[in-house]
């Protein structure tokens, strides 16, 4: 992937394992948690299988202001075409509302098109209004699929059996 801007201090670029500290810090500002293990594993997987991941960042003033991480899935749920799944996204709080998120999405779409990918999917908690609003502004629409979830830590209710 080519950098969007000519200078090394601004524009979009591929992320590397050297960016993990900044990625974790940006993510922690939003989640309140350190998901270092998740990001370490993600960077390791991307290094091992670079054709299966797109990790990009936006630089401004010489520092990472935001990141987007997508994985490429092939053949899931009977689909024939590969799709990208955006499963990690973050912008420094002080850089929000300054075009960083849109620059991330623009670059992600540009890279996807270069790879021949036609679809980008993601998910968000419906109460995360800022993220849902961002996805809406970025052209995402509701998918025609329902995501179901079930706890496995407790036993399922069983119907009463009469003797």
C-alpha atoms as a PDB file:
ATOM      1  CA  UNK A   1       0.000   0.000   0.000  1.00  0.00           C
ATOM      2  CA  UNK A   2       1.295   3.437  -0.874  1.00  0.00           C
ATOM      3  CA  UNK A   3       1.109   6.268   1.614  1.00  0.00           C
ATOM      4  CA  UNK A   4      -1.703   8.703   0.924  1.00  0.00           C
ATOM      5  CA  UNK A   5       0.386  11.784   1.659  1.00  0.00           C
ATOM      6  CA  UNK A   6       3.883  12.478   0.412  1.00  0.00           C
ATOM      7  CA  UNK A   7       5.389  13.175   3.822  1.00  0.00           C
ATOM      8  CA  UNK A   8       6.139  10.575   6.507  1.00  0.00           C
ATOM      9  CA  UNK A   9       4.421  12.677   9.206  1.00  0.00           C
ATOM     10  CA  UNK A  10       0.908  12.676   7.750  1.00  0.00           C
ATOM     11  CA  UNK A  11      -1.352  10.480   5.674  1.00  0.00           C
ATOM     12  CA  UNK A  12      -2.225   6.811   5.799  1.00  0.00           C
ATOM     13  CA  UNK A  13       0.180   3.913   5.989  1.00  0.00           C
ATOM     14  CA  UNK A  14       0.326   0.250   6.810  1.00  0.00           C
ATOM     15  CA  UNK A  15       0.679  -0.519  10.480  1.00  0.00           C
ATOM     16  CA  UNK A  16       3.482  -2.673  11.813  1.00  0.00           C
ATOM     17  CA  UNK A  17       4.158  -4.435  15.085  1.00  0.00           C
ATOM     18  CA  UNK A  18       6.083  -1.298  16.129  1.00  0.00           C
ATOM     19  CA  UNK A  19       2.728   0.512  16.317  1.00  0.00           C
ATOM     20  CA  UNK A  20       1.211  -1.780  18.945  1.00  0.00           C
ATOM     21  CA  UNK A  21       1.816   0.588  21.884  1.00  0.00           C
ATOM     22  CA  UNK A  22       0.057   3.478  20.152  1.00  0.00           C
ATOM     23  CA  UNK A  23      -2.791   1.232  18.974  1.00  0.00           C
ATOM     24  CA  UNK A  24      -3.302  -0.112  22.512  1.00  0.00           C
ATOM     25  CA  UNK A  25      -3.281   3.441  23.924  1.00  0.00           C
ATOM     26  CA  UNK A  26      -5.884   4.675  21.424  1.00  0.00           C
ATOM     27  CA  UNK A  27      -8.066   1.633  22.065  1.00  0.00           C
ATOM     28  CA  UNK A  28      -7.731   2.005  25.860  1.00  0.00           C
ATOM     29  CA  UNK A  29      -8.943   5.611  25.624  1.00  0.00           C
ATOM     30  CA  UNK A  30     -12.252   4.270  24.273  1.00  0.00           C
ATOM     31  CA  UNK A  31     -12.686   0.957  26.067  1.00  0.00           C
ATOM     32  CA  UNK A  32     -11.045   1.718  29.405  1.00  0.00           C
ATOM     33  CA  UNK A  33      -9.213  -1.604  29.066  1.00  0.00           C
ATOM     34  CA  UNK A  34      -5.871  -2.734  27.732  1.00  0.00           C
ATOM     35  CA  UNK A  35      -6.485  -5.243  24.951  1.00  0.00           C
ATOM     36  CA  UNK A  36      -2.759  -5.701  24.361  1.00  0.00           C
ATOM     37  CA  UNK A  37      -3.015  -9.465  24.001  1.00  0.00           C
ATOM     38  CA  UNK A  38      -5.675  -9.100  21.286  1.00  0.00           C
ATOM     39  CA  UNK A  39      -3.546  -6.617  19.348  1.00  0.00           C
ATOM     40  CA  UNK A  40      -0.329  -8.633  19.825  1.00  0.00           C
ATOM     41  CA  UNK A  41      -2.099 -11.709  18.447  1.00  0.00           C
ATOM     42  CA  UNK A  42      -3.578  -9.707  15.585  1.00  0.00           C
ATOM     43  CA  UNK A  43      -0.207  -8.292  14.519  1.00  0.00           C
ATOM     44  CA  UNK A  44       1.365 -11.764  14.767  1.00  0.00           C
ATOM     45  CA  UNK A  45      -1.383 -13.248  12.583  1.00  0.00           C
ATOM     46  CA  UNK A  46      -0.996 -10.433  10.055  1.00  0.00           C
ATOM     47  CA  UNK A  47       2.752 -11.050   9.895  1.00  0.00           C
ATOM     48  CA  UNK A  48       2.195 -14.770   9.355  1.00  0.00           C
ATOM     49  CA  UNK A  49      -0.629 -14.318   6.789  1.00  0.00           C
ATOM     50  CA  UNK A  50      -0.350 -10.815   5.274  1.00  0.00           C
ATOM     51  CA  UNK A  51      -2.939 -11.523   2.554  1.00  0.00           C
ATOM     52  CA  UNK A  52      -5.585 -12.110   5.232  1.00  0.00           C
ATOM     53  CA  UNK A  53      -5.373  -8.738   7.008  1.00  0.00           C
ATOM     54  CA  UNK A  54      -5.443  -5.018   6.315  1.00  0.00           C
ATOM     55  CA  UNK A  55      -4.002  -2.887   9.120  1.00  0.00           C
ATOM     56  CA  UNK A  56      -3.788   0.816   8.415  1.00  0.00           C
ATOM     57  CA  UNK A  57      -3.147   3.938  10.417  1.00  0.00           C
ATOM     58  CA  UNK A  58      -3.455   7.651   9.890  1.00  0.00           C
ATOM     59  CA  UNK A  59      -0.541   9.834  10.876  1.00  0.00           C
ATOM     60  CA  UNK A  60      -0.784  13.499  11.721  1.00  0.00           C
ATOM     61  CA  UNK A  61       2.022  15.576  13.159  1.00  0.00           C
ATOM     62  CA  UNK A  62       4.330  12.564  13.281  1.00  0.00           C
ATOM     63  CA  UNK A  63       2.137  10.385  15.507  1.00  0.00           C
ATOM     64  CA  UNK A  64      -0.529   7.761  14.988  1.00  0.00           C
ATOM     65  CA  UNK A  65      -3.958   9.392  15.295  1.00  0.00           C
ATOM     66  CA  UNK A  66      -6.131   6.449  14.337  1.00  0.00           C
ATOM     67  CA  UNK A  67      -6.127   2.851  13.168  1.00  0.00           C
ATOM     68  CA  UNK A  68      -8.363   0.384  11.361  1.00  0.00           C
ATOM     69  CA  UNK A  69      -7.878  -3.375  11.344  1.00  0.00           C
ATOM     70  CA  UNK A  70      -9.761  -5.667   9.022  1.00  0.00           C
ATOM     71  CA  UNK A  71      -9.443  -9.351   8.324  1.00  0.00           C
ATOM     72  CA  UNK A  72     -10.301 -11.028   5.051  1.00  0.00           C
ATOM     73  CA  UNK A  73     -12.721 -13.937   5.290  1.00  0.00           C
ATOM     74  CA  UNK A  74     -13.302 -16.358   2.466  1.00  0.00           C
ATOM     75  CA  UNK A  75     -16.157 -18.804   2.147  1.00  0.00           C
ATOM     76  CA  UNK A  76     -17.824 -17.978   5.458  1.00  0.00           C
ATOM     77  CA  UNK A  77     -21.521 -18.845   5.750  1.00  0.00           C
ATOM     78  CA  UNK A  78     -21.553 -20.225   2.215  1.00  0.00           C
ATOM     79  CA  UNK A  79     -20.372 -16.980   0.562  1.00  0.00           C
ATOM     80  CA  UNK A  80     -18.237 -17.436  -2.494  1.00  0.00           C
ATOM     81  CA  UNK A  81     -16.690 -13.960  -2.510  1.00  0.00           C
ATOM     82  CA  UNK A  82     -14.156 -12.832   0.050  1.00  0.00           C
ATOM     83  CA  UNK A  83     -15.183  -9.940   2.287  1.00  0.00           C
ATOM     84  CA  UNK A  84     -13.309  -7.721   4.701  1.00  0.00           C
ATOM     85  CA  UNK A  85     -14.479  -7.574   8.305  1.00  0.00           C
ATOM     86  CA  UNK A  86     -13.561  -4.414  10.177  1.00  0.00           C
ATOM     87  CA  UNK A  87     -13.123  -5.554  13.746  1.00  0.00           C
ATOM     88  CA  UNK A  88     -10.901  -2.909  15.332  1.00  0.00           C
ATOM     89  CA  UNK A  89     -11.118   0.819  14.801  1.00  0.00           C
ATOM     90  CA  UNK A  90      -9.945   3.708  16.926  1.00  0.00           C
ATOM     91  CA  UNK A  91      -9.195   7.416  16.735  1.00  0.00           C
ATOM     92  CA  UNK A  92      -7.441   9.405  19.439  1.00  0.00           C
ATOM     93  CA  UNK A  93     -10.128  11.315  21.342  1.00  0.00           C
ATOM     94  CA  UNK A  94      -8.458  14.661  20.589  1.00  0.00           C
ATOM     95  CA  UNK A  95      -8.364  13.775  16.878  1.00  0.00           C
ATOM     96  CA  UNK A  96     -12.062  12.926  16.562  1.00  0.00           C
ATOM     97  CA  UNK A  97     -14.201  15.112  14.320  1.00  0.00           C
ATOM     98  CA  UNK A  98     -11.061  16.090  12.363  1.00  0.00           C
ATOM     99  CA  UNK A  99     -11.346  13.720   9.396  1.00  0.00           C
ATOM    100  CA  UNK A 100      -9.136  10.939  10.772  1.00  0.00           C
ATOM    101  CA  UNK A 101     -11.912   8.335  10.775  1.00  0.00           C
ATOM    102  CA  UNK A 102     -12.941   9.230   7.247  1.00  0.00           C
ATOM    103  CA  UNK A 103      -9.304   9.070   6.103  1.00  0.00           C
ATOM    104  CA  UNK A 104      -9.083   5.569   7.625  1.00  0.00           C
ATOM    105  CA  UNK A 105     -12.226   4.432   5.822  1.00  0.00           C
ATOM    106  CA  UNK A 106     -11.130   5.984   2.520  1.00  0.00           C
ATOM    107  CA  UNK A 107      -7.767   4.227   2.674  1.00  0.00           C
ATOM    108  CA  UNK A 108      -9.301   0.929   3.770  1.00  0.00           C
ATOM    109  CA  UNK A 109     -11.713   1.032   0.823  1.00  0.00           C
ATOM    110  CA  UNK A 110      -8.874   1.937  -1.557  1.00  0.00           C
ATOM    111  CA  UNK A 111      -6.790  -1.033  -0.378  1.00  0.00           C
ATOM    112  CA  UNK A 112      -9.801  -3.360  -0.532  1.00  0.00           C
ATOM    113  CA  UNK A 113     -10.557  -2.353  -4.119  1.00  0.00           C
ATOM    114  CA  UNK A 114      -6.937  -3.042  -5.022  1.00  0.00           C
ATOM    115  CA  UNK A 115      -7.371  -6.538  -3.585  1.00  0.00           C
ATOM    116  CA  UNK A 116     -10.581  -7.102  -5.533  1.00  0.00           C
ATOM    117  CA  UNK A 117     -12.775  -7.096  -2.414  1.00  0.00           C
ATOM    118  CA  UNK A 118     -16.322  -5.868  -2.872  1.00  0.00           C
ATOM    119  CA  UNK A 119     -17.753  -5.755   0.646  1.00  0.00           C
ATOM    120  CA  UNK A 120     -16.797  -4.430   4.085  1.00  0.00           C
ATOM    121  CA  UNK A 121     -18.671  -5.643   7.147  1.00  0.00           C
ATOM    122  CA  UNK A 122     -18.547  -4.722  10.805  1.00  0.00           C
ATOM    123  CA  UNK A 123     -20.698  -4.718  13.893  1.00  0.00           C
ATOM    124  CA  UNK A 124     -21.364  -2.325  16.732  1.00  0.00           C
ATOM    125  CA  UNK A 125     -23.265  -2.282  19.983  1.00  0.00           C
ATOM    126  CA  UNK A 126     -26.516  -0.536  19.168  1.00  0.00           C
ATOM    127  CA  UNK A 127     -26.055   1.754  22.192  1.00  0.00           C
ATOM    128  CA  UNK A 128     -22.697   2.982  20.876  1.00  0.00           C
ATOM    129  CA  UNK A 129     -24.332   5.910  19.113  1.00  0.00           C
ATOM    130  CA  UNK A 130     -21.071   7.583  18.101  1.00  0.00           C
ATOM    131  CA  UNK A 131     -19.828   4.462  16.328  1.00  0.00           C
ATOM    132  CA  UNK A 132     -23.194   3.735  14.711  1.00  0.00           C
ATOM    133  CA  UNK A 133     -23.369   7.347  13.495  1.00  0.00           C
ATOM    134  CA  UNK A 134     -19.817   7.047  12.108  1.00  0.00           C
ATOM    135  CA  UNK A 135     -20.686   3.818  10.299  1.00  0.00           C
ATOM    136  CA  UNK A 136     -23.798   5.461   8.858  1.00  0.00           C
ATOM    137  CA  UNK A 137     -21.778   8.449   7.623  1.00  0.00           C
ATOM    138  CA  UNK A 138     -19.247   6.014   6.119  1.00  0.00           C
ATOM    139  CA  UNK A 139     -21.878   4.300   3.973  1.00  0.00           C
ATOM    140  CA  UNK A 140     -22.591   1.204   6.076  1.00  0.00           C
ATOM    141  CA  UNK A 141     -26.146  -0.147   6.008  1.00  0.00           C
ATOM    142  CA  UNK A 142     -27.908  -2.808   8.037  1.00  0.00           C
ATOM    143  CA  UNK A 143     -27.070  -6.268   6.755  1.00  0.00           C
ATOM    144  CA  UNK A 144     -29.842  -8.729   5.934  1.00  0.00           C
ATOM    145  CA  UNK A 145     -28.613 -11.069   8.639  1.00  0.00           C
ATOM    146  CA  UNK A 146     -29.381 -11.398  12.317  1.00  0.00           C
ATOM    147  CA  UNK A 147     -26.546 -11.982  14.766  1.00  0.00           C
ATOM    148  CA  UNK A 148     -27.488 -14.328  17.587  1.00  0.00           C
ATOM    149  CA  UNK A 149     -25.599 -14.849  20.823  1.00  0.00           C
ATOM    150  CA  UNK A 150     -25.912 -17.352  23.627  1.00  0.00           C
ATOM    151  CA  UNK A 151     -24.146 -17.607  26.979  1.00  0.00           C
ATOM    152  CA  UNK A 152     -22.417 -20.932  27.546  1.00  0.00           C
ATOM    153  CA  UNK A 153     -21.323 -20.429  31.143  1.00  0.00           C
ATOM    154  CA  UNK A 154     -24.660 -21.613  32.514  1.00  0.00           C
ATOM    155  CA  UNK A 155     -26.936 -24.519  31.742  1.00  0.00           C
ATOM    156  CA  UNK A 156     -29.815 -24.073  29.332  1.00  0.00           C
ATOM    157  CA  UNK A 157     -33.318 -24.160  30.724  1.00  0.00           C
ATOM    158  CA  UNK A 158     -34.712 -27.625  30.161  1.00  0.00           C
ATOM    159  CA  UNK A 159     -38.414 -28.300  29.802  1.00  0.00           C
ATOM    160  CA  UNK A 160     -39.976 -30.152  32.691  1.00  0.00           C
ATOM    161  CA  UNK A 161     -40.367 -33.848  31.989  1.00  0.00           C
ATOM    162  CA  UNK A 162     -43.369 -35.609  33.478  1.00  0.00           C
ATOM    163  CA  UNK A 163     -42.836 -39.134  34.751  1.00  0.00           C
END
